[in-house]
Amino acid sequence: MDTNALLMYYLLGINAVTFALYGIDKLKSQKGWRRIPEKTLLMLAVIGGSMGALCGMRLFHHKTKHKKFYLGVPILLAIQIALICYFRFI
């Protein structure tokens, strides 16, 4: 399997997990249950799950009032897209 395919599968997986965890954390917040730490949610975005994080924020209306999320996640996504484009086309 080539590196492009591996990268694609990794990004699909990490974004699916990140998206799901944003939804789970929203449910936990509504139920008053123990939450997923913000550090964990942000780290998932940093390691490639920024698209899943952004979609989770929008769909579940979760973490949209926290500056580090509403500014940080889109910035991470832009950086990750730029890096993928740079390394894909050099």
N, C-alpha and C. Protein backbone atom coordinates (compact mmCIF):
# COMPACT_ATOMS: atom_id res chain seq x y z
N MET A 1 0.85 -1.17 0.00
CA MET A 1 0.00 0.00 0.00
C MET A 1 0.90 1.24 0.00
N ASP A 2 0.58 2.19 -0.84
CA ASP A 2 1.43 3.38 -0.92
C ASP A 2 1.12 4.38 0.19
N THR A 3 1.99 5.35 0.33
CA THR A 3 1.87 6.31 1.44
C THR A 3 0.64 7.21 1.31
N ASN A 4 0.24 7.52 0.07
CA ASN A 4 -0.96 8.34 -0.12
C ASN A 4 -2.21 7.63 0.41
N ALA A 5 -2.30 6.33 0.13
CA ALA A 5 -3.44 5.56 0.61
C ALA A 5 -3.42 5.46 2.13
N LEU A 6 -2.25 5.24 2.70
CA LEU A 6 -2.13 5.18 4.16
C LEU A 6 -2.54 6.50 4.81
N LEU A 7 -2.09 7.60 4.23
CA LEU A 7 -2.46 8.92 4.75
C LEU A 7 -3.97 9.13 4.67
N MET A 8 -4.55 8.74 3.54
CA MET A 8 -5.99 8.90 3.36
C MET A 8 -6.76 8.09 4.42
N TYR A 9 -6.37 6.84 4.62
CA TYR A 9 -7.05 6.00 5.62
C TYR A 9 -6.86 6.56 7.03
N TYR A 10 -5.66 7.03 7.33
CA TYR A 10 -5.40 7.62 8.63
C TYR A 10 -6.31 8.84 8.86
N LEU A 11 -6.35 9.74 7.87
CA LEU A 11 -7.16 10.95 8.02
C LEU A 11 -8.65 10.63 8.12
N LEU A 12 -9.12 9.67 7.34
CA LEU A 12 -10.52 9.27 7.47
C LEU A 12 -10.81 8.73 8.86
N GLY A 13 -9.92 7.88 9.36
CA GLY A 13 -10.12 7.29 10.68
C GLY A 13 -10.07 8.30 11.81
N ILE A 14 -9.04 9.14 11.82
CA ILE A 14 -8.89 10.11 12.91
C ILE A 14 -10.01 11.14 12.89
N ASN A 15 -10.48 11.51 11.71
CA ASN A 15 -11.58 12.47 11.63
C ASN A 15 -12.90 11.84 12.06
N ALA A 16 -13.11 10.57 11.75
CA ALA A 16 -14.33 9.88 12.20
C ALA A 16 -14.34 9.76 13.72
N VAL A 17 -13.20 9.39 14.30
CA VAL A 17 -13.10 9.27 15.76
C VAL A 17 -13.31 10.64 16.42
N THR A 18 -12.68 11.66 15.87
CA THR A 18 -12.80 13.01 16.44
C THR A 18 -14.24 13.49 16.39
N PHE A 19 -14.87 13.33 15.24
CA PHE A 19 -16.27 13.73 15.08
C PHE A 19 -17.15 13.02 16.11
N ALA A 20 -16.97 11.71 16.25
CA ALA A 20 -17.77 10.93 17.20
C ALA A 20 -17.55 11.40 18.63
N LEU A 21 -16.30 11.69 18.99
CA LEU A 21 -16.02 12.12 20.36
C LEU A 21 -16.59 13.50 20.67
N TYR A 22 -16.66 14.38 19.69
CA TYR A 22 -17.32 15.67 19.90
C TYR A 22 -18.81 15.45 20.17
N GLY A 23 -19.42 14.53 19.44
CA GLY A 23 -20.83 14.21 19.69
C GLY A 23 -21.05 13.57 21.05
N ILE A 24 -20.16 12.66 21.42
CA ILE A 24 -20.25 12.00 22.72
C ILE A 24 -20.07 13.01 23.84
N ASP A 25 -19.11 13.92 23.68
CA ASP A 25 -18.89 14.92 24.72
C ASP A 25 -20.10 15.85 24.85
N LYS A 26 -20.74 16.17 23.75
CA LYS A 26 -21.95 17.01 23.81
C LYS A 26 -23.05 16.28 24.59
N LEU A 27 -23.23 15.00 24.30
CA LEU A 27 -24.22 14.20 25.01
C LEU A 27 -23.89 14.15 26.50
N LYS A 28 -22.62 13.93 26.82
CA LYS A 28 -22.20 13.89 28.23
C LYS A 28 -22.46 15.23 28.92
N SER A 29 -22.25 16.33 28.20
CA SER A 29 -22.50 17.64 28.81
C SER A 29 -23.98 17.84 29.09
N GLN A 30 -24.83 17.36 28.20
CA GLN A 30 -26.27 17.50 28.39
C GLN A 30 -26.78 16.63 29.54
N LYS A 31 -26.16 15.48 29.74
CA LYS A 31 -26.59 14.55 30.78
C LYS A 31 -25.93 14.84 32.14
N GLY A 32 -24.94 15.73 32.14
CA GLY A 32 -24.24 16.01 33.39
C GLY A 32 -23.23 14.94 33.77
N TRP A 33 -22.81 14.15 32.78
CA TRP A 33 -21.86 13.08 33.02
C TRP A 33 -20.42 13.60 32.94
N ARG A 34 -19.50 12.76 33.34
CA ARG A 34 -18.08 13.11 33.27
C ARG A 34 -17.68 13.33 31.81
N ARG A 35 -17.00 14.45 31.55
CA ARG A 35 -16.71 14.92 30.20
C ARG A 35 -15.36 14.44 29.67
N ILE A 36 -15.21 14.55 28.37
CA ILE A 36 -13.93 14.32 27.72
C ILE A 36 -13.12 15.61 27.89
N PRO A 37 -11.89 15.52 28.36
CA PRO A 37 -11.10 16.75 28.57
C PRO A 37 -10.92 17.56 27.28
N GLU A 38 -10.97 18.88 27.41
CA GLU A 38 -10.76 19.76 26.25
C GLU A 38 -9.42 19.49 25.60
N LYS A 39 -8.42 19.19 26.43
CA LYS A 39 -7.08 18.90 25.90
C LYS A 39 -7.11 17.70 24.94
N THR A 40 -7.92 16.70 25.26
CA THR A 40 -8.05 15.52 24.40
C THR A 40 -8.72 15.90 23.09
N LEU A 41 -9.79 16.68 23.16
CA LEU A 41 -10.50 17.08 21.95
C LEU A 41 -9.61 17.92 21.04
N LEU A 42 -8.84 18.82 21.63
CA LEU A 42 -7.93 19.65 20.84
C LEU A 42 -6.78 18.83 20.25
N MET A 43 -6.26 17.87 21.03
CA MET A 43 -5.15 17.05 20.55
C MET A 43 -5.58 16.20 19.36
N LEU A 44 -6.81 15.72 19.37
CA LEU A 44 -7.32 14.97 18.23
C LEU A 44 -7.34 15.84 16.97
N ALA A 45 -7.69 17.11 17.13
CA ALA A 45 -7.67 18.03 15.99
C ALA A 45 -6.23 18.26 15.52
N VAL A 46 -5.31 18.39 16.46
CA VAL A 46 -3.90 18.64 16.12
C VAL A 46 -3.30 17.48 15.34
N ILE A 47 -3.64 16.25 15.70
CA ILE A 47 -3.02 15.09 15.04
C ILE A 47 -3.73 14.68 13.75
N GLY A 48 -4.57 15.56 13.25
CA GLY A 48 -5.17 15.31 11.93
C GLY A 48 -6.68 15.28 11.90
N GLY A 49 -7.32 15.40 13.04
CA GLY A 49 -8.77 15.33 13.06
C GLY A 49 -9.47 16.66 13.05
N SER A 50 -8.85 17.66 12.47
CA SER A 50 -9.43 19.01 12.50
C SER A 50 -10.73 19.11 11.70
N MET A 51 -10.84 18.39 10.61
CA MET A 51 -12.09 18.43 9.84
C MET A 51 -13.22 17.78 10.63
N GLY A 52 -12.93 16.66 11.29
CA GLY A 52 -13.94 16.01 12.14
C GLY A 52 -14.33 16.89 13.31
N ALA A 53 -13.34 17.60 13.88
CA ALA A 53 -13.62 18.50 14.99
C ALA A 53 -14.51 19.65 14.53
N LEU A 54 -14.19 20.24 13.40
CA LEU A 54 -14.98 21.36 12.90
C LEU A 54 -16.41 20.92 12.56
N CYS A 55 -16.53 19.78 11.92
CA CYS A 55 -17.87 19.26 11.61
C CYS A 55 -18.65 18.94 12.88
N GLY A 56 -17.97 18.36 13.87
CA GLY A 56 -18.62 18.06 15.15
C GLY A 56 -19.06 19.32 15.87
N MET A 57 -18.21 20.34 15.83
CA MET A 57 -18.57 21.62 16.45
C MET A 57 -19.82 22.19 15.80
N ARG A 58 -19.86 22.14 14.48
CA ARG A 58 -21.00 22.74 13.76
C ARG A 58 -22.27 21.92 13.92
N LEU A 59 -22.16 20.60 13.74
CA LEU A 59 -23.35 19.76 13.78
C LEU A 59 -23.94 19.66 15.19
N PHE A 60 -23.07 19.49 16.19
CA PHE A 60 -23.55 19.30 17.56
C PHE A 60 -23.63 20.62 18.34
N HIS A 61 -23.25 21.73 17.71
CA HIS A 61 -23.22 23.04 18.39
C HIS A 61 -22.45 22.92 19.70
N HIS A 62 -21.24 22.39 19.57
CA HIS A 62 -20.44 22.07 20.75
C HIS A 62 -19.10 22.78 20.70
N LYS A 63 -18.72 23.41 21.79
CA LYS A 63 -17.45 24.12 21.94
C LYS A 63 -17.37 25.33 21.01
N THR A 64 -18.48 25.87 20.62
CA THR A 64 -18.49 26.99 19.67
C THR A 64 -18.28 28.34 20.34
N LYS A 65 -18.29 28.38 21.67
CA LYS A 65 -18.09 29.65 22.37
C LYS A 65 -16.70 29.75 22.99
N HIS A 66 -15.92 28.71 22.85
CA HIS A 66 -14.56 28.69 23.39
C HIS A 66 -13.59 29.15 22.31
N LYS A 67 -12.88 30.24 22.59
CA LYS A 67 -12.00 30.84 21.59
C LYS A 67 -10.99 29.85 21.03
N LYS A 68 -10.41 29.01 21.91
CA LYS A 68 -9.40 28.07 21.44
C LYS A 68 -10.00 27.04 20.48
N PHE A 69 -11.30 26.86 20.51
CA PHE A 69 -11.95 25.95 19.57
C PHE A 69 -12.41 26.69 18.32
N TYR A 70 -13.18 27.78 18.49
CA TYR A 70 -13.75 28.43 17.30
C TYR A 70 -12.70 29.14 16.45
N LEU A 71 -11.56 29.46 17.03
CA LEU A 71 -10.45 29.99 16.22
C LEU A 71 -9.41 28.92 15.93
N GLY A 72 -9.09 28.13 16.93
CA GLY A 72 -8.01 27.16 16.81
C GLY A 72 -8.27 26.06 15.81
N VAL A 73 -9.45 25.48 15.83
CA VAL A 73 -9.74 24.35 14.95
C VAL A 73 -9.71 24.77 13.46
N PRO A 74 -10.34 25.87 13.06
CA PRO A 74 -10.22 26.27 11.65
C PRO A 74 -8.77 26.59 11.23
N ILE A 75 -8.01 27.18 12.15
CA ILE A 75 -6.60 27.47 11.83
C ILE A 75 -5.83 26.16 11.65
N LEU A 76 -6.07 25.19 12.53
CA LEU A 76 -5.43 23.88 12.39
C LEU A 76 -5.81 23.23 11.06
N LEU A 77 -7.07 23.32 10.69
CA LEU A 77 -7.52 22.74 9.43
C LEU A 77 -6.80 23.40 8.25
N ALA A 78 -6.69 24.70 8.26
CA ALA A 78 -6.01 25.41 7.17
C ALA A 78 -4.54 25.00 7.09
N ILE A 79 -3.89 24.89 8.24
CA ILE A 79 -2.49 24.47 8.26
C ILE A 79 -2.35 23.04 7.73
N GLN A 80 -3.24 22.16 8.16
CA GLN A 80 -3.17 20.78 7.70
C GLN A 80 -3.43 20.64 6.21
N ILE A 81 -4.36 21.40 5.70
CA ILE A 81 -4.62 21.38 4.25
C ILE A 81 -3.40 21.90 3.50
N ALA A 82 -2.81 22.98 3.99
CA ALA A 82 -1.62 23.54 3.35
C ALA A 82 -0.47 22.53 3.36
N LEU A 83 -0.28 21.85 4.47
CA LEU A 83 0.80 20.85 4.55
C LEU A 83 0.56 19.68 3.60
N ILE A 84 -0.68 19.23 3.54
CA ILE A 84 -1.00 18.12 2.62
C ILE A 84 -0.74 18.55 1.18
N CYS A 85 -1.19 19.74 0.82
CA CYS A 85 -0.97 20.24 -0.54
C CYS A 85 0.52 20.41 -0.83
N TYR A 86 1.24 20.95 0.12
CA TYR A 86 2.67 21.17 -0.07
C TYR A 86 3.40 19.84 -0.31
N PHE A 87 3.17 18.88 0.56
CA PHE A 87 3.89 17.61 0.42
C PHE A 87 3.34 16.76 -0.71
N ARG A 88 2.12 16.96 -1.09
CA ARG A 88 1.53 16.19 -2.20
C ARG A 88 2.07 16.69 -3.54
N PHE A 89 2.36 17.98 -3.64
CA PHE A 89 2.73 18.55 -4.93
C PHE A 89 4.18 18.96 -5.05
N ILE A 90 5.02 18.61 -4.07
CA ILE A 90 6.45 18.94 -4.24
C ILE A 90 7.16 17.85 -5.00
